[in-house]
């Protein structure tokens, strides 16, 4: 499951439980049996950094509406031995290696943020 799917599924669940609101807009989803259903689109939620990237800051004293795990990626450079050179010594090549891991993220709604003051 991608992070986008994880966030969507959790948003729907949060909306059903009354933690966040719906937008009043509806999405049509096709089920595996071909049936189409309409699902209300949940309000936008983002992490602290997600809102910051969009030009907002979380208001002082606000607590996250939800927390759930998403996947994060860490890239590190590792030296990998490759074929020996003409002197018989092994050569090394640096490769970027991606490490995926789960991390708990804390989620805020638009009501909990304000535009960043310039």
N, C-alpha and C. Protein backbone atom coordinates (compact mmCIF):
# COMPACT_ATOMS: atom_id res chain seq x y z
N UNK A 1 0.84 -1.17 0.00
CA UNK A 1 0.00 0.00 0.00
C UNK A 1 0.90 1.24 0.00
N UNK A 2 0.56 2.24 -0.80
CA UNK A 2 1.35 3.46 -0.84
C UNK A 2 0.95 4.39 0.30
N UNK A 3 1.78 5.39 0.58
CA UNK A 3 1.43 6.37 1.61
C UNK A 3 0.12 7.07 1.28
N UNK A 4 -0.08 7.38 0.00
CA UNK A 4 -1.32 8.04 -0.42
C UNK A 4 -2.54 7.19 -0.06
N UNK A 5 -2.45 5.89 -0.31
CA UNK A 5 -3.55 4.98 0.02
C UNK A 5 -3.73 4.86 1.53
N UNK A 6 -2.62 4.80 2.26
CA UNK A 6 -2.69 4.71 3.73
C UNK A 6 -3.38 5.94 4.29
N UNK A 7 -3.01 7.12 3.80
CA UNK A 7 -3.61 8.37 4.28
C UNK A 7 -5.10 8.42 3.93
N UNK A 8 -5.46 8.00 2.71
CA UNK A 8 -6.86 8.02 2.30
C UNK A 8 -7.70 7.08 3.17
N UNK A 9 -7.25 5.86 3.36
CA UNK A 9 -8.00 4.87 4.15
C UNK A 9 -8.16 5.37 5.59
N UNK A 10 -7.09 5.88 6.17
CA UNK A 10 -7.16 6.39 7.54
C UNK A 10 -8.05 7.63 7.63
N UNK A 11 -8.03 8.49 6.61
CA UNK A 11 -8.89 9.68 6.59
C UNK A 11 -10.36 9.29 6.56
N UNK A 12 -10.70 8.31 5.76
CA UNK A 12 -12.09 7.82 5.69
C UNK A 12 -12.52 7.30 7.07
N UNK A 13 -11.66 6.53 7.70
CA UNK A 13 -11.96 5.98 9.04
C UNK A 13 -12.11 7.11 10.07
N UNK A 14 -11.23 8.10 10.01
CA UNK A 14 -11.32 9.25 10.93
C UNK A 14 -12.61 10.02 10.71
N UNK A 15 -13.03 10.15 9.45
CA UNK A 15 -14.27 10.85 9.13
C UNK A 15 -15.48 10.06 9.65
N UNK A 16 -15.46 8.75 9.46
CA UNK A 16 -16.56 7.90 9.96
C UNK A 16 -16.69 8.00 11.48
N UNK A 17 -15.55 8.14 12.16
CA UNK A 17 -15.54 8.22 13.63
C UNK A 17 -15.75 9.63 14.15
N UNK A 18 -15.95 10.60 13.25
CA UNK A 18 -16.23 11.97 13.66
C UNK A 18 -15.01 12.77 14.10
N UNK A 19 -13.82 12.27 13.83
CA UNK A 19 -12.60 12.97 14.23
C UNK A 19 -12.30 14.13 13.28
N UNK A 20 -12.52 13.90 11.98
CA UNK A 20 -12.37 14.96 10.98
C UNK A 20 -13.68 15.06 10.20
N UNK A 21 -13.80 16.15 9.45
CA UNK A 21 -15.04 16.39 8.69
C UNK A 21 -14.91 15.91 7.24
N UNK A 22 -16.04 15.87 6.58
CA UNK A 22 -16.06 15.62 5.15
C UNK A 22 -16.08 16.94 4.41
N UNK A 23 -15.80 16.92 3.13
CA UNK A 23 -15.75 18.14 2.32
C UNK A 23 -17.07 18.44 1.62
N UNK A 24 -17.95 17.47 1.58
CA UNK A 24 -19.19 17.63 0.82
C UNK A 24 -19.02 17.21 -0.63
N UNK A 25 -17.81 16.90 -1.04
CA UNK A 25 -17.54 16.40 -2.39
C UNK A 25 -17.50 14.88 -2.32
N UNK A 26 -17.96 14.24 -3.39
CA UNK A 26 -18.03 12.79 -3.38
C UNK A 26 -17.14 12.19 -4.47
N UNK A 27 -16.52 11.07 -4.14
CA UNK A 27 -15.69 10.31 -5.07
C UNK A 27 -16.44 9.04 -5.43
N UNK A 28 -16.33 8.62 -6.68
CA UNK A 28 -16.94 7.37 -7.11
C UNK A 28 -15.85 6.30 -7.14
N UNK A 29 -16.09 5.20 -6.45
CA UNK A 29 -15.14 4.09 -6.41
C UNK A 29 -15.80 2.86 -7.01
N UNK A 30 -15.05 2.14 -7.81
CA UNK A 30 -15.55 0.91 -8.40
C UNK A 30 -15.03 -0.26 -7.58
N UNK A 31 -15.93 -1.11 -7.09
CA UNK A 31 -15.55 -2.28 -6.31
C UNK A 31 -15.15 -3.42 -7.23
N UNK A 32 -14.55 -4.45 -6.66
CA UNK A 32 -14.06 -5.57 -7.46
C UNK A 32 -15.19 -6.29 -8.21
N UNK A 33 -16.41 -6.23 -7.68
CA UNK A 33 -17.54 -6.89 -8.37
C UNK A 33 -18.18 -5.99 -9.43
N UNK A 34 -17.61 -4.79 -9.65
CA UNK A 34 -18.12 -3.89 -10.67
C UNK A 34 -19.10 -2.85 -10.16
N UNK A 35 -19.54 -3.00 -8.92
CA UNK A 35 -20.47 -2.05 -8.31
C UNK A 35 -19.75 -0.72 -8.05
N UNK A 36 -20.44 0.37 -8.30
CA UNK A 36 -19.88 1.68 -8.01
C UNK A 36 -20.52 2.24 -6.74
N UNK A 37 -19.70 2.81 -5.88
CA UNK A 37 -20.21 3.44 -4.67
C UNK A 37 -19.68 4.87 -4.60
N UNK A 38 -20.38 5.71 -3.86
CA UNK A 38 -19.94 7.09 -3.67
C UNK A 38 -19.45 7.24 -2.24
N UNK A 39 -18.27 7.85 -2.11
CA UNK A 39 -17.66 8.07 -0.81
C UNK A 39 -17.39 9.56 -0.67
N UNK A 40 -17.79 10.13 0.48
CA UNK A 40 -17.50 11.54 0.71
C UNK A 40 -16.00 11.73 0.90
N UNK A 41 -15.48 12.76 0.27
CA UNK A 41 -14.05 13.05 0.38
C UNK A 41 -13.78 13.68 1.75
N UNK A 42 -12.83 13.12 2.50
CA UNK A 42 -12.52 13.70 3.82
C UNK A 42 -11.74 15.00 3.68
N UNK A 43 -11.78 15.80 4.75
CA UNK A 43 -11.02 17.05 4.72
C UNK A 43 -9.53 16.76 4.67
N UNK A 44 -8.79 17.75 4.25
CA UNK A 44 -7.35 17.62 4.05
C UNK A 44 -6.64 17.48 5.40
N UNK A 45 -5.75 16.50 5.50
CA UNK A 45 -4.90 16.38 6.67
C UNK A 45 -3.45 16.26 6.20
N UNK A 46 -2.56 16.84 6.99
CA UNK A 46 -1.14 16.77 6.69
C UNK A 46 -0.36 16.72 7.99
N UNK A 47 0.88 16.33 7.89
CA UNK A 47 1.78 16.36 9.04
C UNK A 47 2.22 17.81 9.27
N UNK A 48 2.93 18.04 10.37
CA UNK A 48 3.48 19.36 10.67
C UNK A 48 4.31 19.86 9.49
N UNK A 49 5.22 18.99 9.00
CA UNK A 49 6.07 19.38 7.87
C UNK A 49 5.28 19.52 6.58
N UNK A 50 4.24 18.72 6.41
CA UNK A 50 3.39 18.82 5.23
C UNK A 50 2.71 20.17 5.14
N UNK A 51 2.19 20.67 6.27
CA UNK A 51 1.58 21.99 6.28
C UNK A 51 2.63 23.07 6.06
N UNK A 52 3.80 22.88 6.65
CA UNK A 52 4.88 23.86 6.50
C UNK A 52 5.28 24.01 5.03
N UNK A 53 5.36 22.89 4.31
CA UNK A 53 5.68 22.92 2.87
C UNK A 53 4.62 23.67 2.08
N UNK A 54 3.40 23.74 2.60
CA UNK A 54 2.30 24.42 1.92
C UNK A 54 2.14 25.87 2.38
N UNK A 55 3.07 26.34 3.23
CA UNK A 55 3.04 27.73 3.67
C UNK A 55 2.23 27.99 4.93
N UNK A 56 2.00 26.96 5.74
CA UNK A 56 1.23 27.10 6.96
C UNK A 56 2.04 26.61 8.16
N UNK A 57 1.67 27.11 9.33
CA UNK A 57 2.27 26.59 10.56
C UNK A 57 1.13 26.13 11.48
N UNK A 58 1.39 25.13 12.28
CA UNK A 58 0.40 24.63 13.22
C UNK A 58 0.29 25.66 14.34
N UNK A 59 -0.95 26.00 14.70
CA UNK A 59 -1.19 26.98 15.76
C UNK A 59 -0.64 26.47 17.08
N UNK A 60 -0.12 27.40 17.88
CA UNK A 60 0.45 27.05 19.17
C UNK A 60 -0.61 26.37 20.05
N UNK A 61 -0.22 25.27 20.67
CA UNK A 61 -1.11 24.55 21.58
C UNK A 61 -1.98 23.49 20.92
N UNK A 62 -1.96 23.41 19.60
CA UNK A 62 -2.77 22.40 18.90
C UNK A 62 -2.14 21.02 19.04
N UNK A 63 -2.99 20.04 19.22
CA UNK A 63 -2.55 18.65 19.29
C UNK A 63 -3.04 17.93 18.04
N UNK A 64 -2.30 16.97 17.59
CA UNK A 64 -2.65 16.22 16.38
C UNK A 64 -4.03 15.59 16.52
N UNK A 65 -4.79 15.61 15.44
CA UNK A 65 -6.11 14.97 15.41
C UNK A 65 -5.96 13.46 15.35
N UNK A 66 -4.87 12.98 14.77
CA UNK A 66 -4.67 11.54 14.61
C UNK A 66 -3.19 11.23 14.50
N UNK A 67 -2.88 9.97 14.70
CA UNK A 67 -1.53 9.49 14.43
C UNK A 67 -1.64 8.09 13.85
N UNK A 68 -0.87 7.85 12.79
CA UNK A 68 -0.79 6.53 12.19
C UNK A 68 0.50 6.44 11.41
N UNK A 69 0.89 5.21 11.12
CA UNK A 69 2.17 4.95 10.46
C UNK A 69 2.10 5.16 8.95
N UNK A 70 3.18 5.71 8.41
CA UNK A 70 3.39 5.79 6.97
C UNK A 70 4.80 5.30 6.70
N UNK A 71 5.15 5.17 5.44
CA UNK A 71 6.49 4.73 5.07
C UNK A 71 7.39 5.93 4.81
N UNK A 72 8.61 5.83 5.26
CA UNK A 72 9.63 6.86 5.01
C UNK A 72 10.79 6.18 4.29
N UNK A 73 11.57 6.98 3.59
CA UNK A 73 12.71 6.45 2.85
C UNK A 73 13.96 7.21 3.27
N UNK A 74 14.98 6.47 3.59
CA UNK A 74 16.28 7.06 3.91
C UNK A 74 17.26 6.58 2.85
N UNK A 75 17.98 7.50 2.27
CA UNK A 75 18.97 7.16 1.25
C UNK A 75 20.35 7.29 1.86
N UNK A 76 21.15 6.24 1.72
CA UNK A 76 22.52 6.30 2.20
C UNK A 76 23.45 5.84 1.08
N UNK A 77 24.65 6.34 1.13
CA UNK A 77 25.64 5.97 0.14
C UNK A 77 26.48 4.84 0.71
N UNK A 78 26.56 3.74 0.01
CA UNK A 78 27.34 2.60 0.46
C UNK A 78 28.35 2.23 -0.61
N UNK A 79 29.53 1.86 -0.15
CA UNK A 79 30.58 1.43 -1.08
C UNK A 79 30.41 -0.06 -1.33
N UNK A 80 30.32 -0.42 -2.59
CA UNK A 80 30.11 -1.81 -3.01
C UNK A 80 31.35 -2.27 -3.77
N UNK A 81 31.94 -3.41 -3.38
CA UNK A 81 33.10 -3.91 -4.15
C UNK A 81 32.65 -4.40 -5.52
N UNK A 82 33.44 -4.08 -6.52
CA UNK A 82 33.16 -4.56 -7.88
C UNK A 82 34.38 -5.31 -8.39
N UNK A 83 34.41 -5.65 -9.64
CA UNK A 83 35.50 -6.44 -10.23
C UNK A 83 36.87 -5.86 -9.90
N UNK A 84 37.83 -6.72 -9.88
CA UNK A 84 39.21 -6.29 -9.63
C UNK A 84 39.73 -5.49 -10.81
N UNK A 85 40.61 -4.54 -10.49
CA UNK A 85 41.24 -3.78 -11.57
C UNK A 85 42.42 -4.58 -12.12
N UNK A 86 43.20 -3.99 -13.04
CA UNK A 86 44.29 -4.72 -13.68
C UNK A 86 45.41 -5.10 -12.70
N UNK A 87 45.49 -4.46 -11.55
CA UNK A 87 46.51 -4.79 -10.53
C UNK A 87 46.04 -5.92 -9.62
N UNK A 88 44.83 -6.39 -9.83
CA UNK A 88 44.31 -7.47 -9.00
C UNK A 88 43.64 -6.98 -7.72
N UNK A 89 43.58 -5.66 -7.55
CA UNK A 89 42.94 -5.10 -6.36
C UNK A 89 41.46 -4.83 -6.65
N UNK A 90 40.58 -5.17 -5.69
CA UNK A 90 39.16 -4.90 -5.92
C UNK A 90 38.90 -3.39 -5.91
N UNK A 91 38.00 -2.95 -6.76
CA UNK A 91 37.61 -1.54 -6.79
C UNK A 91 36.29 -1.40 -6.04
N UNK A 92 36.02 -0.20 -5.57
CA UNK A 92 34.76 0.07 -4.90
C UNK A 92 34.00 1.14 -5.67
N UNK A 93 32.71 1.01 -5.65
CA UNK A 93 31.85 1.98 -6.28
C UNK A 93 30.81 2.41 -5.26
N UNK A 94 30.54 3.71 -5.18
CA UNK A 94 29.51 4.21 -4.26
C UNK A 94 28.16 4.14 -4.93
N UNK A 95 27.22 3.56 -4.23
CA UNK A 95 25.84 3.47 -4.72
C UNK A 95 24.91 4.05 -3.67
N UNK A 96 23.87 4.73 -4.12
CA UNK A 96 22.83 5.19 -3.20
C UNK A 96 21.89 4.03 -2.93
N UNK A 97 21.72 3.71 -1.66
CA UNK A 97 20.85 2.60 -1.26
C UNK A 97 19.67 3.18 -0.49
N UNK A 98 18.47 2.77 -0.88
CA UNK A 98 17.26 3.25 -0.22
C UNK A 98 16.82 2.26 0.85
N UNK A 99 16.53 2.79 2.02
CA UNK A 99 16.03 1.98 3.14
C UNK A 99 14.62 2.47 3.47
N UNK A 100 13.65 1.59 3.35
CA UNK A 100 12.26 1.93 3.66
C UNK A 100 11.96 1.46 5.08
N UNK A 101 11.24 2.31 5.83
CA UNK A 101 10.85 1.94 7.18
C UNK A 101 9.52 2.63 7.51
N UNK A 102 8.84 2.10 8.51
CA UNK A 102 7.57 2.69 8.94
C UNK A 102 7.84 3.70 10.05
N UNK A 103 7.09 4.79 10.02
CA UNK A 103 7.25 5.83 11.02
C UNK A 103 5.87 6.36 11.39
N UNK A 104 5.66 6.58 12.68
CA UNK A 104 4.40 7.16 13.12
C UNK A 104 4.40 8.64 12.79
N UNK A 105 3.35 9.09 12.13
CA UNK A 105 3.20 10.49 11.76
C UNK A 105 2.00 11.07 12.49
N UNK A 106 2.06 12.35 12.80
CA UNK A 106 1.00 13.05 13.52
C UNK A 106 0.31 14.00 12.54
N UNK A 107 -1.03 13.97 12.52
CA UNK A 107 -1.81 14.60 11.46
C UNK A 107 -2.66 15.74 12.00
N UNK A 108 -2.66 16.87 11.26
CA UNK A 108 -3.39 18.06 11.62
C UNK A 108 -4.33 18.45 10.48
N UNK A 109 -5.43 19.14 10.83
CA UNK A 109 -6.40 19.60 9.83
C UNK A 109 -6.18 21.09 9.54
N UNK A 110 -6.89 21.61 8.55
CA UNK A 110 -6.77 23.01 8.15
C UNK A 110 -7.20 23.97 9.26
N UNK A 111 -8.13 23.53 10.11
CA UNK A 111 -8.58 24.37 11.23
C UNK A 111 -7.46 24.60 12.24
N UNK A 112 -6.45 23.75 12.23
CA UNK A 112 -5.40 23.81 13.24
C UNK A 112 -4.16 24.57 12.77
N UNK A 113 -4.22 25.14 11.58
CA UNK A 113 -3.05 25.83 11.04
C UNK A 113 -3.39 27.26 10.65
N UNK A 114 -2.35 28.06 10.47
CA UNK A 114 -2.50 29.44 10.01
C UNK A 114 -1.38 29.73 9.02
N UNK A 115 -1.61 30.70 8.12
CA UNK A 115 -0.55 31.03 7.16
C UNK A 115 0.72 31.50 7.88
N UNK A 116 1.86 31.14 7.34
CA UNK A 116 3.14 31.58 7.91
C UNK A 116 3.28 33.08 7.62
N UNK A 117 3.60 33.82 8.68
CA UNK A 117 3.76 35.28 8.52
C UNK A 117 5.14 35.57 7.98
N UNK A 118 5.18 36.41 6.95
CA UNK A 118 6.47 36.74 6.30
C UNK A 118 7.25 37.78 7.05
